[in-house]
Amino acid sequence: MVNEQAAFLLDACGLVVYATKLGYTVTGGELARPIEMQQIYVETGRSKTMDSDHIRRCAIDLNFFKDGQLVQDRVTLRPLGDFWEGLNPLNRWGGSWEKFVDVPHCERHVPRR
């Protein structure tokens, strides 16, 4: 799992650099999430699963700002999501999801072993 976490973080760094080149200011959100917090998120509707890649430290929520304003529109951020997903076939962007759209979310989906 350490190798997956390291590769994930390298991709996350690449995404931040790419977004910065496109004129975004990027701040970090949640990366590691204890299982107790995940349970709270499921209970309050902030997440739909107890099988979160945040628990495995292979997901991060990033904040993208343009001109001082937080950008959360998935159409606007689609180029960043496409870039993220193009870095590795295991990378998934929450803005691509249909049932539970999570635009700030980037993950490397690592199936449980």
PDB file of N, CA and C in Angstrom:
ATOM      1  N   MET A   1       0.821  -1.198   0.000  1.00  0.00           N
ATOM      2  CA  MET A   1       0.000   0.000   0.000  1.00  0.00           C
ATOM      3  C   MET A   1       0.865   1.262   0.000  1.00  0.00           C
ATOM      4  N   VAL A   2       2.036   1.196   0.610  1.00  0.00           N
ATOM      5  CA  VAL A   2       2.918   2.369   0.645  1.00  0.00           C
ATOM      6  C   VAL A   2       3.257   2.828  -0.769  1.00  0.00           C
ATOM      7  N   ASN A   3       3.515   1.895  -1.668  1.00  0.00           N
ATOM      8  CA  ASN A   3       3.842   2.268  -3.050  1.00  0.00           C
ATOM      9  C   ASN A   3       2.670   2.954  -3.730  1.00  0.00           C
ATOM     10  N   GLU A   4       1.457   2.479  -3.487  1.00  0.00           N
ATOM     11  CA  GLU A   4       0.271   3.121  -4.069  1.00  0.00           C
ATOM     12  C   GLU A   4       0.077   4.527  -3.499  1.00  0.00           C
ATOM     13  N   GLN A   5       0.277   4.676  -2.185  1.00  0.00           N
ATOM     14  CA  GLN A   5       0.153   5.998  -1.568  1.00  0.00           C
ATOM     15  C   GLN A   5       1.180   6.968  -2.150  1.00  0.00           C
ATOM     16  N   ALA A   6       2.408   6.496  -2.326  1.00  0.00           N
ATOM     17  CA  ALA A   6       3.464   7.350  -2.869  1.00  0.00           C
ATOM     18  C   ALA A   6       3.159   7.745  -4.308  1.00  0.00           C
ATOM     19  N   ALA A   7       2.724   6.800  -5.120  1.00  0.00           N
ATOM     20  CA  ALA A   7       2.383   7.098  -6.516  1.00  0.00           C
ATOM     21  C   ALA A   7       1.194   8.052  -6.583  1.00  0.00           C
ATOM     22  N   PHE A   8       0.211   7.857  -5.717  1.00  0.00           N
ATOM     23  CA  PHE A   8      -0.939   8.742  -5.652  1.00  0.00           C
ATOM     24  C   PHE A   8      -0.508  10.178  -5.346  1.00  0.00           C
ATOM     25  N   LEU A   9       0.372  10.342  -4.360  1.00  0.00           N
ATOM     26  CA  LEU A   9       0.818  11.686  -3.988  1.00  0.00           C
ATOM     27  C   LEU A   9       1.608  12.356  -5.111  1.00  0.00           C
ATOM     28  N   LEU A  10       2.398  11.590  -5.829  1.00  0.00           N
ATOM     29  CA  LEU A  10       3.107  12.163  -6.979  1.00  0.00           C
ATOM     30  C   LEU A  10       2.114  12.664  -8.030  1.00  0.00           C
ATOM     31  N   ASP A  11       1.075  11.882  -8.285  1.00  0.00           N
ATOM     32  CA  ASP A  11       0.047  12.336  -9.224  1.00  0.00           C
ATOM     33  C   ASP A  11      -0.666  13.576  -8.698  1.00  0.00           C
ATOM     34  N   ALA A  12      -0.951  13.610  -7.390  1.00  0.00           N
ATOM     35  CA  ALA A  12      -1.610  14.776  -6.803  1.00  0.00           C
ATOM     36  C   ALA A  12      -0.734  16.027  -6.972  1.00  0.00           C
ATOM     37  N   CYS A  13       0.566  15.862  -6.794  1.00  0.00           N
ATOM     38  CA  CYS A  13       1.490  16.985  -7.014  1.00  0.00           C
ATOM     39  C   CYS A  13       1.421  17.449  -8.468  1.00  0.00           C
ATOM     40  N   GLY A  14       1.387  16.504  -9.378  1.00  0.00           N
ATOM     41  CA  GLY A  14       1.281  16.841 -10.803  1.00  0.00           C
ATOM     42  C   GLY A  14       0.002  17.598 -11.105  1.00  0.00           C
ATOM     43  N   LEU A  15      -1.100  17.209 -10.480  1.00  0.00           N
ATOM     44  CA  LEU A  15      -2.366  17.912 -10.683  1.00  0.00           C
ATOM     45  C   LEU A  15      -2.292  19.338 -10.157  1.00  0.00           C
ATOM     46  N   VAL A  16      -1.688  19.522  -8.990  1.00  0.00           N
ATOM     47  CA  VAL A  16      -1.558  20.870  -8.425  1.00  0.00           C
ATOM     48  C   VAL A  16      -0.714  21.748  -9.341  1.00  0.00           C
ATOM     49  N   VAL A  17       0.375  21.218  -9.858  1.00  0.00           N
ATOM     50  CA  VAL A  17       1.226  21.984 -10.775  1.00  0.00           C
ATOM     51  C   VAL A  17       0.441  22.337 -12.045  1.00  0.00           C
ATOM     52  N   TYR A  18      -0.267  21.378 -12.599  1.00  0.00           N
ATOM     53  CA  TYR A  18      -1.061  21.612 -13.811  1.00  0.00           C
ATOM     54  C   TYR A  18      -2.128  22.681 -13.569  1.00  0.00           C
ATOM     55  N   ALA A  19      -2.856  22.570 -12.449  1.00  0.00           N
ATOM     56  CA  ALA A  19      -3.896  23.545 -12.139  1.00  0.00           C
ATOM     57  C   ALA A  19      -3.301  24.944 -11.961  1.00  0.00           C
ATOM     58  N   THR A  20      -2.143  25.015 -11.336  1.00  0.00           N
ATOM     59  CA  THR A  20      -1.468  26.301 -11.141  1.00  0.00           C
ATOM     60  C   THR A  20      -1.099  26.921 -12.488  1.00  0.00           C
ATOM     61  N   LYS A  21      -0.635  26.102 -13.421  1.00  0.00           N
ATOM     62  CA  LYS A  21      -0.316  26.602 -14.762  1.00  0.00           C
ATOM     63  C   LYS A  21      -1.549  27.129 -15.479  1.00  0.00           C
ATOM     64  N   LEU A  22      -2.725  26.584 -15.138  1.00  0.00           N
ATOM     65  CA  LEU A  22      -3.979  27.054 -15.736  1.00  0.00           C
ATOM     66  C   LEU A  22      -4.543  28.275 -15.009  1.00  0.00           C
ATOM     67  N   GLY A  23      -3.824  28.770 -14.010  1.00  0.00           N
ATOM     68  CA  GLY A  23      -4.243  29.982 -13.318  1.00  0.00           C
ATOM     69  C   GLY A  23      -5.014  29.772 -12.025  1.00  0.00           C
ATOM     70  N   TYR A  24      -5.090  28.549 -11.550  1.00  0.00           N
ATOM     71  CA  TYR A  24      -5.777  28.275 -10.293  1.00  0.00           C
ATOM     72  C   TYR A  24      -4.812  28.401  -9.123  1.00  0.00           C
ATOM     73  N   THR A  25      -5.352  28.791  -7.995  1.00  0.00           N
ATOM     74  CA  THR A  25      -4.672  28.665  -6.718  1.00  0.00           C
ATOM     75  C   THR A  25      -5.290  27.439  -6.065  1.00  0.00           C
ATOM     76  N   VAL A  26      -4.447  26.528  -5.603  1.00  0.00           N
ATOM     77  CA  VAL A  26      -4.941  25.258  -5.072  1.00  0.00           C
ATOM     78  C   VAL A  26      -4.587  25.146  -3.593  1.00  0.00           C
ATOM     79  N   THR A  27      -5.582  24.793  -2.805  1.00  0.00           N
ATOM     80  CA  THR A  27      -5.340  24.492  -1.401  1.00  0.00           C
ATOM     81  C   THR A  27      -5.783  23.065  -1.129  1.00  0.00           C
ATOM     82  N   GLY A  28      -5.166  22.488  -0.106  1.00  0.00           N
ATOM     83  CA  GLY A  28      -5.460  21.098   0.229  1.00  0.00           C
ATOM     84  C   GLY A  28      -6.637  20.975   1.164  1.00  0.00           C
ATOM     85  N   GLY A  29      -7.373  19.938   0.935  1.00  0.00           N
ATOM     86  CA  GLY A  29      -8.450  19.565   1.834  1.00  0.00           C
ATOM     87  C   GLY A  29      -8.071  18.274   2.522  1.00  0.00           C
ATOM     88  N   GLU A  30      -9.030  17.445   2.712  1.00  0.00           N
ATOM     89  CA  GLU A  30      -8.824  16.218   3.470  1.00  0.00           C
ATOM     90  C   GLU A  30      -8.100  15.154   2.653  1.00  0.00           C
ATOM     91  N   LEU A  31      -7.113  14.523   3.285  1.00  0.00           N
ATOM     92  CA  LEU A  31      -6.383  13.403   2.685  1.00  0.00           C
ATOM     93  C   LEU A  31      -6.653  12.156   3.517  1.00  0.00           C
ATOM     94  N   ALA A  32      -6.018  12.023   4.642  1.00  0.00           N
ATOM     95  CA  ALA A  32      -6.216  10.864   5.511  1.00  0.00           C
ATOM     96  C   ALA A  32      -7.506  11.046   6.309  1.00  0.00           C
ATOM     97  N   ARG A  33      -8.268   9.976   6.401  1.00  0.00           N
ATOM     98  CA  ARG A  33      -9.523  10.052   7.146  1.00  0.00           C
ATOM     99  C   ARG A  33      -9.668   8.815   8.027  1.00  0.00           C
ATOM    100  N   PRO A  34      -9.758   9.010   9.337  1.00  0.00           N
ATOM    101  CA  PRO A  34      -9.992   7.870  10.228  1.00  0.00           C
ATOM    102  C   PRO A  34     -11.354   7.240   9.934  1.00  0.00           C
ATOM    103  N   ILE A  35     -11.460   5.975  10.186  1.00  0.00           N
ATOM    104  CA  ILE A  35     -12.706   5.258   9.919  1.00  0.00           C
ATOM    105  C   ILE A  35     -13.869   5.833  10.719  1.00  0.00           C
ATOM    106  N   GLU A  36     -13.583   6.367  11.904  1.00  0.00           N
ATOM    107  CA  GLU A  36     -14.640   6.978  12.715  1.00  0.00           C
ATOM    108  C   GLU A  36     -15.228   8.213  12.024  1.00  0.00           C
ATOM    109  N   MET A  37     -14.371   8.996  11.377  1.00  0.00           N
ATOM    110  CA  MET A  37     -14.851  10.175  10.649  1.00  0.00           C
ATOM    111  C   MET A  37     -15.641   9.748   9.415  1.00  0.00           C
ATOM    112  N   GLN A  38     -15.169   8.683   8.748  1.00  0.00           N
ATOM    113  CA  GLN A  38     -15.901   8.189   7.588  1.00  0.00           C
ATOM    114  C   GLN A  38     -17.309   7.760   7.994  1.00  0.00           C
ATOM    115  N   GLN A  39     -17.429   7.122   9.145  1.00  0.00           N
ATOM    116  CA  GLN A  39     -18.748   6.713   9.640  1.00  0.00           C
ATOM    117  C   GLN A  39     -19.653   7.924   9.829  1.00  0.00           C
ATOM    118  N   ILE A  40     -19.122   8.995  10.385  1.00  0.00           N
ATOM    119  CA  ILE A  40     -19.897  10.228  10.559  1.00  0.00           C
ATOM    120  C   ILE A  40     -20.321  10.768   9.204  1.00  0.00           C
ATOM    121  N   TYR A  41     -19.413  10.772   8.231  1.00  0.00           N
ATOM    122  CA  TYR A  41     -19.748  11.275   6.896  1.00  0.00           C
ATOM    123  C   TYR A  41     -20.867  10.452   6.257  1.00  0.00           C
ATOM    124  N   VAL A  42     -20.833   9.152   6.425  1.00  0.00           N
ATOM    125  CA  VAL A  42     -21.899   8.301   5.877  1.00  0.00           C
ATOM    126  C   VAL A  42     -23.220   8.608   6.581  1.00  0.00           C
ATOM    127  N   GLU A  43     -23.182   8.719   7.888  1.00  0.00           N
ATOM    128  CA  GLU A  43     -24.399   8.975   8.664  1.00  0.00           C
ATOM    129  C   GLU A  43     -25.021  10.324   8.334  1.00  0.00           C
ATOM    130  N   THR A  44     -24.190  11.310   7.976  1.00  0.00           N
ATOM    131  CA  THR A  44     -24.702  12.652   7.674  1.00  0.00           C
ATOM    132  C   THR A  44     -24.889  12.901   6.173  1.00  0.00           C
ATOM    133  N   GLY A  45     -24.619  11.895   5.346  1.00  0.00           N
ATOM    134  CA  GLY A  45     -24.839  12.033   3.911  1.00  0.00           C
ATOM    135  C   GLY A  45     -23.695  12.664   3.138  1.00  0.00           C
ATOM    136  N   ARG A  46     -22.585  12.969   3.797  1.00  0.00           N
ATOM    137  CA  ARG A  46     -21.428  13.551   3.094  1.00  0.00           C
ATOM    138  C   ARG A  46     -20.677  12.508   2.289  1.00  0.00           C
ATOM    139  N   SER A  47     -20.928  11.232   2.565  1.00  0.00           N
ATOM    140  CA  SER A  47     -20.340  10.128   1.808  1.00  0.00           C
ATOM    141  C   SER A  47     -21.379   9.022   1.714  1.00  0.00           C
ATOM    142  N   LYS A  48     -21.189   8.175   0.737  1.00  0.00           N
ATOM    143  CA  LYS A  48     -22.119   7.062   0.526  1.00  0.00           C
ATOM    144  C   LYS A  48     -21.491   5.709   0.821  1.00  0.00           C
ATOM    145  N   THR A  49     -20.235   5.673   1.265  1.00  0.00           N
ATOM    146  CA  THR A  49     -19.548   4.400   1.409  1.00  0.00           C
ATOM    147  C   THR A  49     -18.629   4.381   2.620  1.00  0.00           C
ATOM    148  N   MET A  50     -18.465   3.211   3.181  1.00  0.00           N
ATOM    149  CA  MET A  50     -17.453   3.008   4.213  1.00  0.00           C
ATOM    150  C   MET A  50     -16.158   2.492   3.584  1.00  0.00           C
ATOM    151  N   ASP A  51     -16.158   2.332   2.280  1.00  0.00           N
ATOM    152  CA  ASP A  51     -14.983   1.838   1.559  1.00  0.00           C
ATOM    153  C   ASP A  51     -14.267   3.002   0.866  1.00  0.00           C
ATOM    154  N   SER A  52     -13.994   4.060   1.604  1.00  0.00           N
ATOM    155  CA  SER A  52     -13.395   5.270   1.047  1.00  0.00           C
ATOM    156  C   SER A  52     -11.884   5.135   0.868  1.00  0.00           C
ATOM    157  N   ASP A  53     -11.397   5.632  -0.251  1.00  0.00           N
ATOM    158  CA  ASP A  53      -9.950   5.654  -0.475  1.00  0.00           C
ATOM    159  C   ASP A  53      -9.247   6.666   0.429  1.00  0.00           C
ATOM    160  N   HIS A  54      -9.996   7.567   1.061  1.00  0.00           N
ATOM    161  CA  HIS A  54      -9.400   8.452   2.070  1.00  0.00           C
ATOM    162  C   HIS A  54      -8.852   7.629   3.236  1.00  0.00           C
ATOM    163  N   ILE A  55      -9.555   6.560   3.597  1.00  0.00           N
ATOM    164  CA  ILE A  55      -9.108   5.714   4.707  1.00  0.00           C
ATOM    165  C   ILE A  55      -7.751   5.099   4.382  1.00  0.00           C
ATOM    166  N   ARG A  56      -7.520   4.780   3.104  1.00  0.00           N
ATOM    167  CA  ARG A  56      -6.254   4.181   2.655  1.00  0.00           C
ATOM    168  C   ARG A  56      -5.225   5.242   2.247  1.00  0.00           C
ATOM    169  N   ARG A  57      -5.559   6.517   2.452  1.00  0.00           N
ATOM    170  CA  ARG A  57      -4.681   7.641   2.103  1.00  0.00           C
ATOM    171  C   ARG A  57      -4.362   7.685   0.604  1.00  0.00           C
ATOM    172  N   CYS A  58      -5.363   7.348  -0.183  1.00  0.00           N
ATOM    173  CA  CYS A  58      -5.236   7.402  -1.647  1.00  0.00           C
ATOM    174  C   CYS A  58      -6.352   8.249  -2.237  1.00  0.00           C
ATOM    175  N   ALA A  59      -6.782   9.271  -1.491  1.00  0.00           N
ATOM    176  CA  ALA A  59      -7.781  10.223  -1.978  1.00  0.00           C
ATOM    177  C   ALA A  59      -7.505  11.564  -1.304  1.00  0.00           C
ATOM    178  N   ILE A  60      -7.843  12.617  -2.036  1.00  0.00           N
ATOM    179  CA  ILE A  60      -7.678  13.960  -1.488  1.00  0.00           C
ATOM    180  C   ILE A  60      -8.778  14.848  -2.044  1.00  0.00           C
ATOM    181  N   ASP A  61      -9.219  15.762  -1.224  1.00  0.00           N
ATOM    182  CA  ASP A  61     -10.148  16.797  -1.663  1.00  0.00           C
ATOM    183  C   ASP A  61      -9.339  18.077  -1.804  1.00  0.00           C
ATOM    184  N   LEU A  62      -9.357  18.636  -3.005  1.00  0.00           N
ATOM    185  CA  LEU A  62      -8.603  19.856  -3.278  1.00  0.00           C
ATOM    186  C   LEU A  62      -9.564  21.018  -3.508  1.00  0.00           C
ATOM    187  N   ASN A  63      -9.122  22.205  -3.157  1.00  0.00           N
ATOM    188  CA  ASN A  63      -9.903  23.424  -3.378  1.00  0.00           C
ATOM    189  C   ASN A  63      -9.227  24.224  -4.478  1.00  0.00           C
ATOM    190  N   PHE A  64      -9.989  24.558  -5.509  1.00  0.00           N
ATOM    191  CA  PHE A  64      -9.469  25.301  -6.657  1.00  0.00           C
ATOM    192  C   PHE A  64     -10.081  26.702  -6.661  1.00  0.00           C
ATOM    193  N   PHE A  65      -9.207  27.710  -6.643  1.00  0.00           N
ATOM    194  CA  PHE A  65      -9.638  29.103  -6.626  1.00  0.00           C
ATOM    195  C   PHE A  65      -9.183  29.803  -7.891  1.00  0.00           C
ATOM    196  N   LYS A  66     -10.044  30.665  -8.431  1.00  0.00           N
ATOM    197  CA  LYS A  66      -9.694  31.572  -9.534  1.00  0.00           C
ATOM    198  C   LYS A  66     -10.132  32.958  -9.111  1.00  0.00           C
ATOM    199  N   ASP A  67      -9.213  33.904  -9.206  1.00  0.00           N
ATOM    200  CA  ASP A  67      -9.493  35.288  -8.821  1.00  0.00           C
ATOM    201  C   ASP A  67     -10.077  35.381  -7.408  1.00  0.00           C
ATOM    202  N   GLY A  68      -9.566  34.545  -6.517  1.00  0.00           N
ATOM    203  CA  GLY A  68      -9.989  34.574  -5.133  1.00  0.00           C
ATOM    204  C   GLY A  68     -11.311  33.881  -4.849  1.00  0.00           C
ATOM    205  N   GLN A  69     -11.948  33.326  -5.866  1.00  0.00           N
ATOM    206  CA  GLN A  69     -13.245  32.664  -5.698  1.00  0.00           C
ATOM    207  C   GLN A  69     -13.102  31.146  -5.815  1.00  0.00           C
ATOM    208  N   LEU A  70     -13.712  30.420  -4.884  1.00  0.00           N
ATOM    209  CA  LEU A  70     -13.712  28.968  -4.931  1.00  0.00           C
ATOM    210  C   LEU A  70     -14.514  28.501  -6.140  1.00  0.00           C
ATOM    211  N   VAL A  71     -13.912  27.645  -6.946  1.00  0.00           N
ATOM    212  CA  VAL A  71     -14.576  27.101  -8.135  1.00  0.00           C
ATOM    213  C   VAL A  71     -15.001  25.669  -7.819  1.00  0.00           C
ATOM    214  N   GLN A  72     -16.299  25.400  -7.950  1.00  0.00           N
ATOM    215  CA  GLN A  72     -16.814  24.066  -7.664  1.00  0.00           C
ATOM    216  C   GLN A  72     -17.647  23.506  -8.817  1.00  0.00           C
ATOM    217  N   ASP A  73     -17.712  24.231  -9.907  1.00  0.00           N
ATOM    218  CA  ASP A  73     -18.502  23.813 -11.060  1.00  0.00           C
ATOM    219  C   ASP A  73     -17.773  22.711 -11.820  1.00  0.00           C
ATOM    220  N   ARG A  74     -18.426  21.581 -11.988  1.00  0.00           N
ATOM    221  CA  ARG A  74     -17.727  20.456 -12.625  1.00  0.00           C
ATOM    222  C   ARG A  74     -17.455  20.675 -14.096  1.00  0.00           C
ATOM    223  N   VAL A  75     -18.248  21.468 -14.770  1.00  0.00           N
ATOM    224  CA  VAL A  75     -17.961  21.764 -16.182  1.00  0.00           C
ATOM    225  C   VAL A  75     -16.678  22.587 -16.285  1.00  0.00           C
ATOM    226  N   THR A  76     -16.544  23.571 -15.420  1.00  0.00           N
ATOM    227  CA  THR A  76     -15.346  24.418 -15.417  1.00  0.00           C
ATOM    228  C   THR A  76     -14.105  23.615 -15.049  1.00  0.00           C
ATOM    229  N   LEU A  77     -14.247  22.703 -14.089  1.00  0.00           N
ATOM    230  CA  LEU A  77     -13.102  21.927 -13.610  1.00  0.00           C
ATOM    231  C   LEU A  77     -12.863  20.642 -14.400  1.00  0.00           C
ATOM    232  N   ARG A  78     -13.686  20.363 -15.403  1.00  0.00           N
ATOM    233  CA  ARG A  78     -13.543  19.139 -16.203  1.00  0.00           C
ATOM    234  C   ARG A  78     -12.124  18.962 -16.752  1.00  0.00           C
ATOM    235  N   PRO A  79     -11.440  20.011 -17.275  1.00  0.00           N
ATOM    236  CA  PRO A  79     -10.068  19.796 -17.752  1.00  0.00           C
ATOM    237  C   PRO A  79      -9.128  19.273 -16.666  1.00  0.00           C
ATOM    238  N   LEU A  80      -9.340  19.701 -15.432  1.00  0.00           N
ATOM    239  CA  LEU A  80      -8.516  19.189 -14.333  1.00  0.00           C
ATOM    240  C   LEU A  80      -8.859  17.737 -14.038  1.00  0.00           C
ATOM    241  N   GLY A  81     -10.139  17.411 -14.056  1.00  0.00           N
ATOM    242  CA  GLY A  81     -10.555  16.033 -13.844  1.00  0.00           C
ATOM    243  C   GLY A  81     -10.037  15.108 -14.935  1.00  0.00           C
ATOM    244  N   ASP A  82     -10.095  15.580 -16.181  1.00  0.00           N
ATOM    245  CA  ASP A  82      -9.578  14.777 -17.292  1.00  0.00           C
ATOM    246  C   ASP A  82      -8.077  14.565 -17.156  1.00  0.00           C
ATOM    247  N   PHE A  83      -7.365  15.619 -16.759  1.00  0.00           N
ATOM    248  CA  PHE A  83      -5.926  15.501 -16.546  1.00  0.00           C
ATOM    249  C   PHE A  83      -5.644  14.465 -15.468  1.00  0.00           C
ATOM    250  N   TRP A  84      -6.357  14.564 -14.348  1.00  0.00           N
ATOM    251  CA  TRP A  84      -6.176  13.632 -13.236  1.00  0.00           C
ATOM    252  C   TRP A  84      -6.397  12.193 -13.688  1.00  0.00           C
ATOM    253  N   GLU A  85      -7.502  11.956 -14.341  1.00  0.00           N
ATOM    254  CA  GLU A  85      -7.825  10.597 -14.758  1.00  0.00           C
ATOM    255  C   GLU A  85      -6.853  10.079 -15.815  1.00  0.00           C
ATOM    256  N   GLY A  86      -6.239  10.982 -16.571  1.00  0.00           N
ATOM    257  CA  GLY A  86      -5.272  10.594 -17.588  1.00  0.00           C
ATOM    258  C   GLY A  86      -3.896  10.230 -17.033  1.00  0.00           C
ATOM    259  N   LEU A  87      -3.635  10.570 -15.781  1.00  0.00           N
ATOM    260  CA  LEU A  87      -2.334  10.283 -15.187  1.00  0.00           C
ATOM    261  C   LEU A  87      -2.147   8.799 -14.880  1.00  0.00           C
ATOM    262  N   ASN A  88      -3.238   8.111 -14.554  1.00  0.00           N
ATOM    263  CA  ASN A  88      -3.153   6.698 -14.200  1.00  0.00           C
ATOM    264  C   ASN A  88      -4.543   6.083 -14.353  1.00  0.00           C
ATOM    265  N   PRO A  89      -4.648   4.871 -14.882  1.00  0.00           N
ATOM    266  CA  PRO A  89      -5.973   4.267 -15.058  1.00  0.00           C
ATOM    267  C   PRO A  89      -6.735   4.018 -13.755  1.00  0.00           C
ATOM    268  N   LEU A  90      -6.043   4.029 -12.625  1.00  0.00           N
ATOM    269  CA  LEU A  90      -6.713   3.855 -11.337  1.00  0.00           C
ATOM    270  C   LEU A  90      -7.239   5.168 -10.759  1.00  0.00           C
ATOM    271  N   ASN A  91      -6.854   6.301 -11.363  1.00  0.00           N
ATOM    272  CA  ASN A  91      -7.290   7.604 -10.859  1.00  0.00           C
ATOM    273  C   ASN A  91      -8.728   7.885 -11.271  1.00  0.00           C
ATOM    274  N   ARG A  92      -9.505   8.360 -10.308  1.00  0.00           N
ATOM    275  CA  ARG A  92     -10.894   8.737 -10.573  1.00  0.00           C
ATOM    276  C   ARG A  92     -11.149  10.118  -9.974  1.00  0.00           C
ATOM    277  N   TRP A  93     -11.940  10.893 -10.706  1.00  0.00           N
ATOM    278  CA  TRP A  93     -12.314  12.238 -10.263  1.00  0.00           C
ATOM    279  C   TRP A  93     -13.785  12.234  -9.873  1.00  0.00           C
ATOM    280  N   GLY A  94     -14.099  12.769  -8.704  1.00  0.00           N
ATOM    281  CA  GLY A  94     -15.477  12.799  -8.219  1.00  0.00           C
ATOM    282  C   GLY A  94     -16.421  13.608  -9.076  1.00  0.00           C
ATOM    283  N   GLY A  95     -15.898  14.508  -9.892  1.00  0.00           N
ATOM    284  CA  GLY A  95     -16.745  15.280 -10.808  1.00  0.00           C
ATOM    285  C   GLY A  95     -17.266  14.460 -11.974  1.00  0.00           C
ATOM    286  N   SER A  96     -16.690  13.281 -12.176  1.00  0.00           N
ATOM    287  CA  SER A  96     -17.148  12.385 -13.245  1.00  0.00           C
ATOM    288  C   SER A  96     -18.291  11.480 -12.789  1.00  0.00           C
ATOM    289  N   TRP A  97     -18.525  11.445 -11.511  1.00  0.00           N
ATOM    290  CA  TRP A  97     -19.547  10.547 -10.989  1.00  0.00           C
ATOM    291  C   TRP A  97     -20.928  11.119 -11.256  1.00  0.00           C
ATOM    292  N   GLU A  98     -21.897  10.262 -11.439  1.00  0.00           N
ATOM    293  CA  GLU A  98     -23.262  10.695 -11.712  1.00  0.00           C
ATOM    294  C   GLU A  98     -24.152  10.684 -10.477  1.00  0.00           C
ATOM    295  N   LYS A  99     -24.069   9.630  -9.675  1.00  0.00           N
ATOM    296  CA  LYS A  99     -24.990   9.494  -8.543  1.00  0.00           C
ATOM    297  C   LYS A  99     -24.597  10.368  -7.356  1.00  0.00           C
ATOM    298  N   PHE A 100     -23.318  10.527  -7.125  1.00  0.00           N
ATOM    299  CA  PHE A 100     -22.840  11.310  -5.984  1.00  0.00           C
ATOM    300  C   PHE A 100     -21.673  12.159  -6.480  1.00  0.00           C
ATOM    301  N   VAL A 101     -21.971  13.319  -7.014  1.00  0.00           N
ATOM    302  CA  VAL A 101     -20.948  14.190  -7.588  1.00  0.00           C
ATOM    303  C   VAL A 101     -20.151  14.824  -6.449  1.00  0.00           C
ATOM    304  N   ASP A 102     -18.814  14.710  -6.542  1.00  0.00           N
ATOM    305  CA  ASP A 102     -17.907  15.205  -5.502  1.00  0.00           C
ATOM    306  C   ASP A 102     -16.741  15.891  -6.205  1.00  0.00           C
ATOM    307  N   VAL A 103     -16.977  17.104  -6.697  1.00  0.00           N
ATOM    308  CA  VAL A 103     -16.030  17.810  -7.570  1.00  0.00           C
ATOM    309  C   VAL A 103     -14.637  17.975  -6.964  1.00  0.00           C
ATOM    310  N   PRO A 104     -14.475  18.268  -5.667  1.00  0.00           N
ATOM    311  CA  PRO A 104     -13.116  18.451  -5.146  1.00  0.00           C
ATOM    312  C   PRO A 104     -12.319  17.157  -5.000  1.00  0.00           C
ATOM    313  N   HIS A 105     -12.975  16.011  -5.172  1.00  0.00           N
ATOM    314  CA  HIS A 105     -12.400  14.711  -4.826  1.00  0.00           C
ATOM    315  C   HIS A 105     -11.590  14.099  -5.965  1.00  0.00           C
ATOM    316  N   CYS A 106     -10.353  13.719  -5.636  1.00  0.00           N
ATOM    317  CA  CYS A 106      -9.483  12.967  -6.557  1.00  0.00           C
ATOM    318  C   CYS A 106      -8.988  11.743  -5.799  1.00  0.00           C
ATOM    319  N   GLU A 107      -9.065  10.589  -6.443  1.00  0.00           N
ATOM    320  CA  GLU A 107      -8.632   9.366  -5.763  1.00  0.00           C
ATOM    321  C   GLU A 107      -7.898   8.450  -6.712  1.00  0.00           C
ATOM    322  N   ARG A 108      -7.113   7.586  -6.108  1.00  0.00           N
ATOM    323  CA  ARG A 108      -6.569   6.427  -6.802  1.00  0.00           C
ATOM    324  C   ARG A 108      -7.304   5.252  -6.196  1.00  0.00           C
ATOM    325  N   HIS A 109      -8.210   4.662  -6.981  1.00  0.00           N
ATOM    326  CA  HIS A 109      -9.038   3.591  -6.435  1.00  0.00           C
ATOM    327  C   HIS A 109      -8.230   2.318  -6.347  1.00  0.00           C
ATOM    328  N   VAL A 110      -7.950   1.941  -5.120  1.00  0.00           N
ATOM    329  CA  VAL A 110      -7.164   0.749  -4.848  1.00  0.00           C
ATOM    330  C   VAL A 110      -8.097  -0.269  -4.214  1.00  0.00           C
ATOM    331  N   PRO A 111      -8.482  -1.309  -4.952  1.00  0.00           N
ATOM    332  CA  PRO A 111      -9.390  -2.300  -4.369  1.00  0.00           C
ATOM    333  C   PRO A 111      -8.778  -2.930  -3.126  1.00  0.00           C
ATOM    334  N   ARG A 112      -9.630  -3.204  -2.162  1.00  0.00           N
ATOM    335  CA  ARG A 112      -9.171  -3.859  -0.926  1.00  0.00           C
ATOM    336  C   ARG A 112      -8.655  -5.245  -1.252  1.00  0.00           C
ATOM    337  N   ARG A 113      -7.635  -5.638  -0.509  1.00  0.00           N
ATOM    338  CA  ARG A 113      -7.051  -6.968  -0.714  1.00  0.00           C
ATOM    339  C   ARG A 113      -7.460  -7.904   0.368  1.00  0.00           C
TER     340      ARG A 113
END
